[in-house]
């Protein structure tokens, strides 16, 4: 199977209106990473483990983080900084291109790092912590 073109992926931010929330894409995204889902493991090895091999069971699952790299536009993106005043997470949708599906995520903005090099464009990196289990909806 050939690779899938990632062009057009979007992270959409909810306005958190309870009755019918509106999701708006964060603009000028150049790269999306994550979420980095990981599971803890617990060592359950005992003196009678077969053939002296360690044994493990699965523990809690951590949704990890989602990171966006953006072409930073203060007039467009500085409203996201207001999310640092919120201690409650916000609903987001990660929408895959070509109708390949969506991930409904609950995220907490944990990092906003702008960069202004003398010889390149204005950029920023946004980091979000995943809280709870994502709802994954496969596409066509």
N, C-alpha and C. Protein backbone atom coordinates (compact mmCIF):
# COMPACT_ATOMS: atom_id res chain seq x y z
N UNK A 1 0.85 -1.18 0.00
CA UNK A 1 0.00 0.00 0.00
C UNK A 1 0.89 1.24 0.00
N UNK A 2 0.61 2.18 -0.84
CA UNK A 2 1.39 3.41 -0.85
C UNK A 2 1.09 4.25 0.38
N UNK A 3 1.98 5.20 0.68
CA UNK A 3 1.76 6.10 1.80
C UNK A 3 0.57 7.00 1.57
N UNK A 4 0.13 7.64 2.64
CA UNK A 4 -1.02 8.55 2.58
C UNK A 4 -0.51 9.97 2.77
N UNK A 5 -0.95 10.85 1.90
CA UNK A 5 -0.57 12.25 1.96
C UNK A 5 -1.16 12.88 3.21
N UNK A 6 -0.32 13.49 4.05
CA UNK A 6 -0.76 14.10 5.30
C UNK A 6 -1.30 15.51 5.12
N UNK A 7 -1.15 16.07 3.92
CA UNK A 7 -1.59 17.45 3.68
C UNK A 7 -3.07 17.60 3.98
N UNK A 8 -3.39 18.59 4.80
CA UNK A 8 -4.79 18.88 5.11
C UNK A 8 -5.23 18.44 6.50
N UNK A 9 -4.34 17.81 7.28
CA UNK A 9 -4.72 17.44 8.65
C UNK A 9 -5.01 18.71 9.43
N UNK A 10 -5.94 18.64 10.37
CA UNK A 10 -6.32 19.83 11.14
C UNK A 10 -6.60 19.46 12.59
N UNK A 11 -6.19 20.35 13.49
CA UNK A 11 -6.60 20.26 14.89
C UNK A 11 -7.62 21.36 15.11
N UNK A 12 -8.84 20.94 15.44
CA UNK A 12 -9.94 21.87 15.62
C UNK A 12 -10.24 22.05 17.10
N UNK A 13 -10.41 23.30 17.51
CA UNK A 13 -10.62 23.68 18.91
C UNK A 13 -12.10 23.99 19.14
N UNK A 14 -12.67 23.43 20.20
CA UNK A 14 -14.08 23.66 20.54
C UNK A 14 -14.25 25.00 21.24
N UNK A 15 -15.41 25.61 21.02
CA UNK A 15 -15.75 26.82 21.77
C UNK A 15 -16.38 26.46 23.12
N UNK A 16 -16.57 25.17 23.37
CA UNK A 16 -17.07 24.61 24.63
C UNK A 16 -18.51 25.02 24.95
N UNK A 17 -19.29 25.37 23.94
CA UNK A 17 -20.72 25.61 24.13
C UNK A 17 -21.36 24.24 24.30
N UNK A 18 -22.05 24.02 25.42
CA UNK A 18 -22.53 22.68 25.75
C UNK A 18 -23.57 22.12 24.79
N UNK A 19 -24.54 22.91 24.38
CA UNK A 19 -25.63 22.40 23.55
C UNK A 19 -25.15 21.96 22.17
N UNK A 20 -24.41 22.80 21.50
CA UNK A 20 -23.89 22.45 20.17
C UNK A 20 -22.56 23.17 19.95
N UNK A 21 -21.47 22.55 20.35
CA UNK A 21 -20.16 23.21 20.23
C UNK A 21 -19.76 23.40 18.77
N UNK A 22 -19.04 24.48 18.54
CA UNK A 22 -18.47 24.76 17.23
C UNK A 22 -16.97 24.50 17.31
N UNK A 23 -16.44 23.78 16.33
CA UNK A 23 -15.01 23.49 16.28
C UNK A 23 -14.38 24.32 15.17
N UNK A 24 -13.30 25.01 15.50
CA UNK A 24 -12.59 25.86 14.55
C UNK A 24 -11.16 25.39 14.44
N UNK A 25 -10.68 25.21 13.22
CA UNK A 25 -9.30 24.74 13.01
C UNK A 25 -8.30 25.79 13.45
N UNK A 26 -7.24 25.35 14.09
CA UNK A 26 -6.11 26.22 14.38
C UNK A 26 -5.39 26.42 13.06
N UNK A 27 -5.20 27.66 12.66
CA UNK A 27 -4.67 27.97 11.33
C UNK A 27 -3.16 27.94 11.24
N UNK A 28 -2.67 27.84 10.03
CA UNK A 28 -1.24 27.91 9.69
C UNK A 28 -0.40 26.81 10.33
N UNK A 29 -0.99 25.63 10.50
CA UNK A 29 -0.26 24.49 11.06
C UNK A 29 0.66 23.92 9.99
N UNK A 30 1.93 23.71 10.34
CA UNK A 30 2.88 23.12 9.41
C UNK A 30 3.21 21.67 9.74
N UNK A 31 2.95 21.26 11.00
CA UNK A 31 3.25 19.89 11.39
C UNK A 31 2.45 19.53 12.64
N UNK A 32 1.97 18.29 12.67
CA UNK A 32 1.26 17.76 13.84
C UNK A 32 1.99 16.49 14.28
N UNK A 33 2.27 16.40 15.57
CA UNK A 33 2.88 15.19 16.14
C UNK A 33 2.01 14.69 17.28
N UNK A 34 1.88 13.38 17.36
CA UNK A 34 1.15 12.77 18.47
C UNK A 34 -0.30 12.53 18.11
N UNK A 35 -1.06 12.05 19.06
CA UNK A 35 -0.69 11.81 20.44
C UNK A 35 0.21 10.59 20.59
N UNK A 36 1.03 10.65 21.61
CA UNK A 36 2.00 9.58 21.90
C UNK A 36 1.42 8.69 23.01
N UNK A 37 0.65 7.71 22.65
CA UNK A 37 -0.05 6.87 23.62
C UNK A 37 0.92 5.81 24.15
N UNK A 38 0.97 5.69 25.48
CA UNK A 38 1.86 4.72 26.12
C UNK A 38 1.12 4.01 27.25
N UNK A 39 1.54 2.78 27.51
CA UNK A 39 1.00 2.02 28.63
C UNK A 39 2.11 1.72 29.63
N UNK A 40 1.79 1.90 30.91
CA UNK A 40 2.72 1.48 31.96
C UNK A 40 2.69 -0.03 32.05
N UNK A 41 3.78 -0.60 32.54
CA UNK A 41 3.80 -2.03 32.82
C UNK A 41 4.25 -2.24 34.25
N UNK A 42 3.74 -3.29 34.85
CA UNK A 42 4.09 -3.63 36.22
C UNK A 42 4.77 -4.99 36.23
N UNK A 43 5.90 -5.04 36.89
CA UNK A 43 6.67 -6.29 36.99
C UNK A 43 6.00 -7.20 38.00
N UNK A 44 5.55 -8.38 37.55
CA UNK A 44 4.90 -9.35 38.43
C UNK A 44 5.72 -10.64 38.53
N UNK A 45 7.01 -10.50 38.27
CA UNK A 45 7.91 -11.65 38.34
C UNK A 45 7.93 -12.20 39.77
N UNK A 46 7.94 -13.52 39.86
CA UNK A 46 8.02 -14.16 41.17
C UNK A 46 9.08 -15.25 41.13
N UNK A 47 9.35 -15.83 42.29
CA UNK A 47 10.37 -16.87 42.36
C UNK A 47 10.00 -18.11 41.56
N UNK A 48 8.73 -18.27 41.24
CA UNK A 48 8.34 -19.42 40.43
C UNK A 48 7.93 -19.04 39.01
N UNK A 49 8.41 -17.88 38.52
CA UNK A 49 8.17 -17.51 37.11
C UNK A 49 8.88 -18.52 36.23
N UNK A 50 8.22 -18.98 35.15
CA UNK A 50 8.80 -20.03 34.31
C UNK A 50 10.16 -19.64 33.71
N UNK A 51 11.13 -20.54 33.85
CA UNK A 51 12.45 -20.43 33.22
C UNK A 51 13.18 -19.13 33.55
N UNK A 52 12.90 -18.54 34.71
CA UNK A 52 13.56 -17.32 35.17
C UNK A 52 13.35 -16.13 34.23
N UNK A 53 12.20 -16.09 33.57
CA UNK A 53 11.86 -14.95 32.70
C UNK A 53 10.99 -13.98 33.47
N UNK A 54 11.28 -12.69 33.32
CA UNK A 54 10.44 -11.67 33.96
C UNK A 54 9.05 -11.70 33.32
N UNK A 55 8.04 -11.37 34.14
CA UNK A 55 6.66 -11.32 33.67
C UNK A 55 6.08 -9.94 33.99
N UNK A 56 5.21 -9.46 33.10
CA UNK A 56 4.63 -8.13 33.26
C UNK A 56 3.14 -8.17 32.96
N UNK A 57 2.42 -7.22 33.56
CA UNK A 57 1.02 -6.98 33.20
C UNK A 57 0.90 -5.52 32.82
N UNK A 58 -0.13 -5.23 32.01
CA UNK A 58 -0.36 -3.86 31.58
C UNK A 58 -0.99 -3.03 32.68
N UNK A 59 -0.58 -1.76 32.75
CA UNK A 59 -1.12 -0.83 33.73
C UNK A 59 -1.91 0.29 33.07
N UNK A 60 -1.81 1.46 33.63
CA UNK A 60 -2.55 2.62 33.15
C UNK A 60 -2.05 3.08 31.80
N UNK A 61 -2.95 3.65 31.01
CA UNK A 61 -2.61 4.18 29.69
C UNK A 61 -2.52 5.71 29.79
N UNK A 62 -1.48 6.26 29.20
CA UNK A 62 -1.27 7.71 29.17
C UNK A 62 -1.42 8.16 27.72
N UNK A 63 -2.30 9.12 27.49
CA UNK A 63 -2.56 9.62 26.14
C UNK A 63 -1.42 10.44 25.56
N UNK A 64 -0.45 10.82 26.37
CA UNK A 64 0.71 11.55 25.87
C UNK A 64 0.40 12.99 25.53
N UNK A 65 1.06 13.46 24.49
CA UNK A 65 0.93 14.86 24.09
C UNK A 65 0.70 14.98 22.59
N UNK A 66 0.11 16.10 22.22
CA UNK A 66 -0.03 16.50 20.82
C UNK A 66 0.76 17.79 20.67
N UNK A 67 1.60 17.85 19.65
CA UNK A 67 2.41 19.03 19.41
C UNK A 67 2.11 19.58 18.02
N UNK A 68 1.90 20.89 17.95
CA UNK A 68 1.70 21.57 16.67
C UNK A 68 2.86 22.50 16.42
N UNK A 69 3.34 22.52 15.19
CA UNK A 69 4.25 23.56 14.74
C UNK A 69 3.43 24.44 13.82
N UNK A 70 3.53 25.76 14.03
CA UNK A 70 2.71 26.69 13.26
C UNK A 70 3.56 27.83 12.70
N UNK A 71 3.07 28.40 11.60
CA UNK A 71 3.56 29.69 11.15
C UNK A 71 2.84 30.70 12.04
N UNK A 72 3.57 31.23 13.00
CA UNK A 72 2.98 32.03 14.06
C UNK A 72 2.52 33.39 13.57
N UNK A 73 1.24 33.67 13.82
CA UNK A 73 0.63 34.96 13.51
C UNK A 73 0.02 35.47 14.81
N UNK A 74 0.67 36.42 15.49
CA UNK A 74 0.15 36.88 16.79
C UNK A 74 -1.31 37.31 16.73
N UNK A 75 -1.75 37.93 15.64
CA UNK A 75 -3.14 38.38 15.56
C UNK A 75 -4.12 37.20 15.53
N UNK A 76 -3.65 36.05 15.11
CA UNK A 76 -4.51 34.87 15.01
C UNK A 76 -4.32 33.92 16.19
N UNK A 77 -3.09 33.75 16.65
CA UNK A 77 -2.77 32.70 17.62
C UNK A 77 -2.70 33.15 19.06
N UNK A 78 -2.58 34.44 19.33
CA UNK A 78 -2.42 34.88 20.72
C UNK A 78 -3.66 34.61 21.56
N UNK A 79 -4.82 34.42 20.95
CA UNK A 79 -6.01 34.06 21.73
C UNK A 79 -5.84 32.69 22.40
N UNK A 80 -5.00 31.83 21.82
CA UNK A 80 -4.75 30.52 22.43
C UNK A 80 -4.06 30.66 23.78
N UNK A 81 -3.28 31.72 23.96
CA UNK A 81 -2.58 31.93 25.22
C UNK A 81 -3.58 32.09 26.36
N UNK A 82 -4.78 32.58 26.04
CA UNK A 82 -5.82 32.69 27.07
C UNK A 82 -6.17 31.34 27.68
N UNK A 83 -5.91 30.24 26.95
CA UNK A 83 -6.21 28.90 27.47
C UNK A 83 -5.36 28.57 28.70
N UNK A 84 -4.25 29.27 28.91
CA UNK A 84 -3.45 29.04 30.11
C UNK A 84 -4.19 29.47 31.37
N UNK A 85 -5.17 30.35 31.24
CA UNK A 85 -5.96 30.78 32.39
C UNK A 85 -6.95 29.70 32.82
N UNK A 86 -7.26 28.77 31.91
CA UNK A 86 -8.21 27.70 32.20
C UNK A 86 -7.48 26.52 32.83
N UNK A 87 -8.01 26.01 33.93
CA UNK A 87 -7.46 24.80 34.52
C UNK A 87 -8.19 23.57 34.00
N UNK A 88 -9.32 23.78 33.37
CA UNK A 88 -10.09 22.68 32.80
C UNK A 88 -9.65 22.43 31.36
N UNK A 89 -9.56 21.16 30.96
CA UNK A 89 -9.21 20.85 29.57
C UNK A 89 -10.32 21.27 28.61
N UNK A 90 -9.97 21.30 27.33
CA UNK A 90 -10.89 21.73 26.27
C UNK A 90 -11.03 20.59 25.26
N UNK A 91 -12.17 20.52 24.61
CA UNK A 91 -12.41 19.51 23.57
C UNK A 91 -11.78 19.95 22.25
N UNK A 92 -11.17 18.99 21.56
CA UNK A 92 -10.55 19.20 20.26
C UNK A 92 -10.91 18.03 19.36
N UNK A 93 -10.76 18.24 18.06
CA UNK A 93 -10.89 17.16 17.07
C UNK A 93 -9.64 17.18 16.21
N UNK A 94 -9.00 16.02 16.08
CA UNK A 94 -7.92 15.85 15.13
C UNK A 94 -8.57 15.24 13.89
N UNK A 95 -8.62 16.01 12.82
CA UNK A 95 -9.33 15.61 11.61
C UNK A 95 -8.30 15.22 10.55
N UNK A 96 -8.34 13.96 10.17
CA UNK A 96 -7.38 13.46 9.18
C UNK A 96 -7.83 13.82 7.77
N UNK A 97 -6.88 14.03 6.86
CA UNK A 97 -7.23 14.41 5.49
C UNK A 97 -7.92 13.27 4.75
N UNK A 98 -8.51 13.59 3.64
CA UNK A 98 -9.13 12.62 2.73
C UNK A 98 -10.23 11.80 3.41
N UNK A 99 -10.92 12.41 4.37
CA UNK A 99 -12.01 11.74 5.11
C UNK A 99 -11.57 10.43 5.75
N UNK A 100 -10.33 10.41 6.26
CA UNK A 100 -9.80 9.18 6.85
C UNK A 100 -10.21 8.98 8.30
N UNK A 101 -10.90 9.95 8.88
CA UNK A 101 -11.40 9.78 10.24
C UNK A 101 -11.05 10.94 11.14
N UNK A 102 -11.53 10.83 12.38
CA UNK A 102 -11.27 11.86 13.38
C UNK A 102 -10.93 11.21 14.72
N UNK A 103 -10.21 11.96 15.52
CA UNK A 103 -9.96 11.60 16.91
C UNK A 103 -10.52 12.74 17.75
N UNK A 104 -11.50 12.44 18.60
CA UNK A 104 -12.00 13.43 19.55
C UNK A 104 -11.13 13.34 20.79
N UNK A 105 -10.49 14.45 21.12
CA UNK A 105 -9.52 14.51 22.21
C UNK A 105 -9.92 15.57 23.22
N UNK A 106 -9.60 15.33 24.46
CA UNK A 106 -9.71 16.35 25.49
C UNK A 106 -8.27 16.74 25.84
N UNK A 107 -7.94 18.03 25.62
CA UNK A 107 -6.57 18.49 25.73
C UNK A 107 -6.45 19.68 26.67
N UNK A 108 -5.26 19.80 27.23
CA UNK A 108 -4.91 20.93 28.08
C UNK A 108 -3.65 21.56 27.50
N UNK A 109 -3.72 22.84 27.12
CA UNK A 109 -2.55 23.52 26.57
C UNK A 109 -1.50 23.64 27.67
N UNK A 110 -0.32 23.08 27.42
CA UNK A 110 0.75 23.09 28.42
C UNK A 110 1.99 23.85 27.97
N UNK A 111 2.08 24.17 26.67
CA UNK A 111 3.25 24.88 26.19
C UNK A 111 2.96 25.71 24.96
N UNK A 112 3.53 26.92 24.93
CA UNK A 112 3.41 27.82 23.78
C UNK A 112 4.77 28.48 23.63
N UNK A 113 5.50 28.11 22.59
CA UNK A 113 6.89 28.55 22.46
C UNK A 113 7.12 29.20 21.10
N UNK A 114 7.05 30.55 21.03
CA UNK A 114 7.33 31.23 19.76
C UNK A 114 8.82 31.33 19.49
N UNK A 115 9.14 31.43 18.21
CA UNK A 115 10.54 31.59 17.79
C UNK A 115 10.59 32.63 16.67
N UNK A 116 11.55 33.56 16.79
CA UNK A 116 11.68 34.65 15.81
C UNK A 116 13.13 34.77 15.37
N UNK A 117 13.60 33.86 14.51
CA UNK A 117 14.98 33.95 14.05
C UNK A 117 15.20 35.16 13.13
N UNK A 118 16.41 35.63 13.10
CA UNK A 118 16.72 36.81 12.30
C UNK A 118 16.62 36.52 10.80
N UNK A 119 16.79 35.26 10.42
CA UNK A 119 16.86 34.93 9.00
C UNK A 119 15.78 33.94 8.54
N UNK A 120 14.65 33.91 9.25
CA UNK A 120 13.60 32.96 8.87
C UNK A 120 12.25 33.47 9.36
N UNK A 121 11.22 32.69 9.12
CA UNK A 121 9.85 33.08 9.46
C UNK A 121 9.59 32.99 10.96
N UNK A 122 8.56 33.64 11.40
CA UNK A 122 8.07 33.58 12.77
C UNK A 122 7.31 32.26 12.93
N UNK A 123 7.68 31.47 13.94
CA UNK A 123 7.03 30.17 14.17
C UNK A 123 6.69 30.04 15.65
N UNK A 124 5.94 29.00 15.96
CA UNK A 124 5.66 28.67 17.35
C UNK A 124 5.38 27.18 17.44
N UNK A 125 5.63 26.64 18.62
CA UNK A 125 5.30 25.25 18.91
C UNK A 125 4.28 25.25 20.05
N UNK A 126 3.17 24.56 19.86
CA UNK A 126 2.13 24.43 20.86
C UNK A 126 2.11 23.00 21.34
N UNK A 127 2.08 22.80 22.65
CA UNK A 127 2.05 21.46 23.23
C UNK A 127 0.78 21.30 24.06
N UNK A 128 0.10 20.19 23.83
CA UNK A 128 -1.14 19.88 24.53
C UNK A 128 -1.00 18.53 25.21
N UNK A 129 -1.49 18.41 26.45
CA UNK A 129 -1.52 17.15 27.17
C UNK A 129 -2.88 16.51 26.97
N UNK A 130 -2.89 15.23 26.59
CA UNK A 130 -4.13 14.48 26.41
C UNK A 130 -4.62 14.04 27.79
N UNK A 131 -5.89 14.26 28.05
CA UNK A 131 -6.49 13.76 29.29
C UNK A 131 -7.67 12.87 28.94
N UNK A 132 -7.71 11.70 29.50
CA UNK A 132 -8.78 10.75 29.21
C UNK A 132 -8.55 9.99 27.91
N UNK A 133 -9.51 9.15 27.59
CA UNK A 133 -9.43 8.28 26.41
C UNK A 133 -9.99 8.99 25.18
N UNK A 134 -9.21 9.01 24.07
CA UNK A 134 -9.73 9.59 22.83
C UNK A 134 -10.86 8.75 22.26
N UNK A 135 -11.77 9.40 21.53
CA UNK A 135 -12.78 8.69 20.77
C UNK A 135 -12.34 8.70 19.32
N UNK A 136 -12.09 7.52 18.77
CA UNK A 136 -11.56 7.40 17.42
C UNK A 136 -12.70 6.98 16.49
N UNK A 137 -12.91 7.79 15.45
CA UNK A 137 -13.96 7.50 14.47
C UNK A 137 -13.29 7.26 13.13
N UNK A 138 -13.29 6.01 12.65
CA UNK A 138 -12.67 5.73 11.36
C UNK A 138 -13.41 6.43 10.22
N UNK A 139 -12.68 6.77 9.19
CA UNK A 139 -13.28 7.42 8.04
C UNK A 139 -13.66 6.42 6.96
N UNK A 140 -13.83 6.95 5.77
CA UNK A 140 -14.27 6.13 4.64
C UNK A 140 -13.17 5.23 4.13
